[in-house]
Amino acid sequence: MEKLLTRKEAAKLLGISIDTLDAARTNGQVSFVQYVENGCVYFTEQSLQEFIARSTHRAKPKEVNTGSTYRTPRSQVRR
């Protein structure tokens, strides 16, 4: 049988707060074990690995500068 982790252990392993872990659990993003309704909540390492896999996003390639800028061009001032 796989070892069960407490909320505190799981949050520490993931590097997130317990509140963030609880929100993910409430939203159905991470699987959990609860033997009795309103009882202690536990997580398996496999469920945490699946959560990490679903939360991992591929990096987008850097866009090549097209010469445009976010600033508005200055007006030409004649001296």
C-alpha atoms as a PDB file:
ATOM      1  CA  MET A   1       0.000   0.000   0.000  1.00  0.00           C
ATOM      2  CA  GLU A   2       1.184   3.492  -0.830  1.00  0.00           C
ATOM      3  CA  LYS A   3       2.048   5.867   2.027  1.00  0.00           C
ATOM      4  CA  LEU A   4      -0.558   8.511   2.749  1.00  0.00           C
ATOM      5  CA  LEU A   5       0.568  12.101   3.251  1.00  0.00           C
ATOM      6  CA  THR A   6      -1.160  14.649   5.457  1.00  0.00           C
ATOM      7  CA  ARG A   7      -2.245  18.019   4.093  1.00  0.00           C
ATOM      8  CA  LYS A   8       0.784  19.658   5.682  1.00  0.00           C
ATOM      9  CA  GLU A   9       3.209  17.095   4.215  1.00  0.00           C
ATOM     10  CA  ALA A  10       1.618  17.281   0.769  1.00  0.00           C
ATOM     11  CA  ALA A  11       1.670  21.094   0.722  1.00  0.00           C
ATOM     12  CA  LYS A  12       5.317  21.130   1.787  1.00  0.00           C
ATOM     13  CA  LEU A  13       6.220  18.554  -0.873  1.00  0.00           C
ATOM     14  CA  LEU A  14       4.495  20.632  -3.558  1.00  0.00           C
ATOM     15  CA  GLY A  15       5.908  23.922  -2.273  1.00  0.00           C
ATOM     16  CA  ILE A  16       2.476  25.504  -1.854  1.00  0.00           C
ATOM     17  CA  SER A  17       0.401  26.609   1.111  1.00  0.00           C
ATOM     18  CA  ILE A  18      -2.185  24.387   2.759  1.00  0.00           C
ATOM     19  CA  ASP A  19      -4.871  26.859   1.637  1.00  0.00           C
ATOM     20  CA  THR A  20      -3.761  26.488  -1.999  1.00  0.00           C
ATOM     21  CA  LEU A  21      -3.782  22.698  -1.656  1.00  0.00           C
ATOM     22  CA  ASP A  22      -7.275  22.811  -0.120  1.00  0.00           C
ATOM     23  CA  ALA A  23      -8.483  25.005  -2.994  1.00  0.00           C
ATOM     24  CA  ALA A  24      -7.078  22.530  -5.535  1.00  0.00           C
ATOM     25  CA  ARG A  25      -8.777  19.678  -3.673  1.00  0.00           C
ATOM     26  CA  THR A  26     -12.104  21.538  -3.507  1.00  0.00           C
ATOM     27  CA  ASN A  27     -11.917  22.344  -7.245  1.00  0.00           C
ATOM     28  CA  GLY A  28     -11.262  18.688  -8.079  1.00  0.00           C
ATOM     29  CA  GLN A  29      -7.720  19.297  -9.321  1.00  0.00           C
ATOM     30  CA  VAL A  30      -6.065  16.826  -6.947  1.00  0.00           C
ATOM     31  CA  SER A  31      -7.317  13.437  -5.729  1.00  0.00           C
ATOM     32  CA  PHE A  32      -7.472  12.708  -2.010  1.00  0.00           C
ATOM     33  CA  VAL A  33      -8.399  10.023   0.503  1.00  0.00           C
ATOM     34  CA  GLN A  34     -10.946  10.663   3.251  1.00  0.00           C
ATOM     35  CA  TYR A  35     -12.168   7.691   5.254  1.00  0.00           C
ATOM     36  CA  VAL A  36     -14.971   9.488   7.105  1.00  0.00           C
ATOM     37  CA  GLU A  37     -17.017  12.479   5.959  1.00  0.00           C
ATOM     38  CA  ASN A  38     -15.576  15.615   7.603  1.00  0.00           C
ATOM     39  CA  GLY A  39     -12.571  13.527   8.682  1.00  0.00           C
ATOM     40  CA  CYS A  40      -8.861  13.905   8.026  1.00  0.00           C
ATOM     41  CA  VAL A  41      -7.763  14.269   4.416  1.00  0.00           C
ATOM     42  CA  TYR A  42      -4.765  12.392   2.992  1.00  0.00           C
ATOM     43  CA  PHE A  43      -2.948  12.410  -0.339  1.00  0.00           C
ATOM     44  CA  THR A  44      -0.946   9.761  -2.177  1.00  0.00           C
ATOM     45  CA  GLU A  45       2.323  10.538  -3.940  1.00  0.00           C
ATOM     46  CA  GLN A  46       0.756   9.373  -7.192  1.00  0.00           C
ATOM     47  CA  SER A  47      -2.137  11.843  -6.894  1.00  0.00           C
ATOM     48  CA  LEU A  48       0.360  14.651  -6.241  1.00  0.00           C
ATOM     49  CA  GLN A  49       2.447  13.626  -9.269  1.00  0.00           C
ATOM     50  CA  GLU A  50      -0.690  13.662 -11.434  1.00  0.00           C
ATOM     51  CA  PHE A  51      -1.565  17.118 -10.079  1.00  0.00           C
ATOM     52  CA  ILE A  52       1.927  18.362 -10.961  1.00  0.00           C
ATOM     53  CA  ALA A  53       1.653  16.873 -14.457  1.00  0.00           C
ATOM     54  CA  ARG A  54      -1.700  18.603 -15.068  1.00  0.00           C
ATOM     55  CA  SER A  55      -0.363  21.889 -13.685  1.00  0.00           C
ATOM     56  CA  THR A  56       2.795  21.870 -15.790  1.00  0.00           C
ATOM     57  CA  HIS A  57       2.674  24.043 -18.910  1.00  0.00           C
ATOM     58  CA  ARG A  58       5.076  24.112 -21.829  1.00  0.00           C
ATOM     59  CA  ALA A  59       7.131  27.235 -22.259  1.00  0.00           C
ATOM     60  CA  LYS A  60       6.224  29.358 -25.246  1.00  0.00           C
ATOM     61  CA  PRO A  61       9.056  30.368 -27.564  1.00  0.00           C
ATOM     62  CA  LYS A  62      10.109  33.979 -27.281  1.00  0.00           C
ATOM     63  CA  GLU A  63       8.577  36.111 -29.986  1.00  0.00           C
ATOM     64  CA  VAL A  64      10.993  37.795 -32.334  1.00  0.00           C
ATOM     65  CA  ASN A  65      10.952  41.572 -32.007  1.00  0.00           C
ATOM     66  CA  THR A  66       8.919  42.901 -34.918  1.00  0.00           C
ATOM     67  CA  GLY A  67      10.140  46.435 -34.431  1.00  0.00           C
ATOM     68  CA  SER A  68       6.972  47.586 -32.770  1.00  0.00           C
ATOM     69  CA  THR A  69       7.003  48.920 -29.264  1.00  0.00           C
ATOM     70  CA  TYR A  70       4.472  49.319 -26.515  1.00  0.00           C
ATOM     71  CA  ARG A  71       5.197  53.049 -26.355  1.00  0.00           C
ATOM     72  CA  THR A  72       3.557  55.633 -28.536  1.00  0.00           C
ATOM     73  CA  PRO A  73       6.045  57.359 -30.800  1.00  0.00           C
ATOM     74  CA  ARG A  74       7.178  60.834 -29.826  1.00  0.00           C
ATOM     75  CA  SER A  75       6.072  63.686 -31.978  1.00  0.00           C
ATOM     76  CA  GLN A  76       8.797  65.215 -34.085  1.00  0.00           C
ATOM     77  CA  VAL A  77       9.855  68.469 -32.454  1.00  0.00           C
ATOM     78  CA  ARG A  78      11.674  70.891 -34.739  1.00  0.00           C
ATOM     79  CA  ARG A  79      14.347  73.030 -33.224  1.00  0.00           C
END
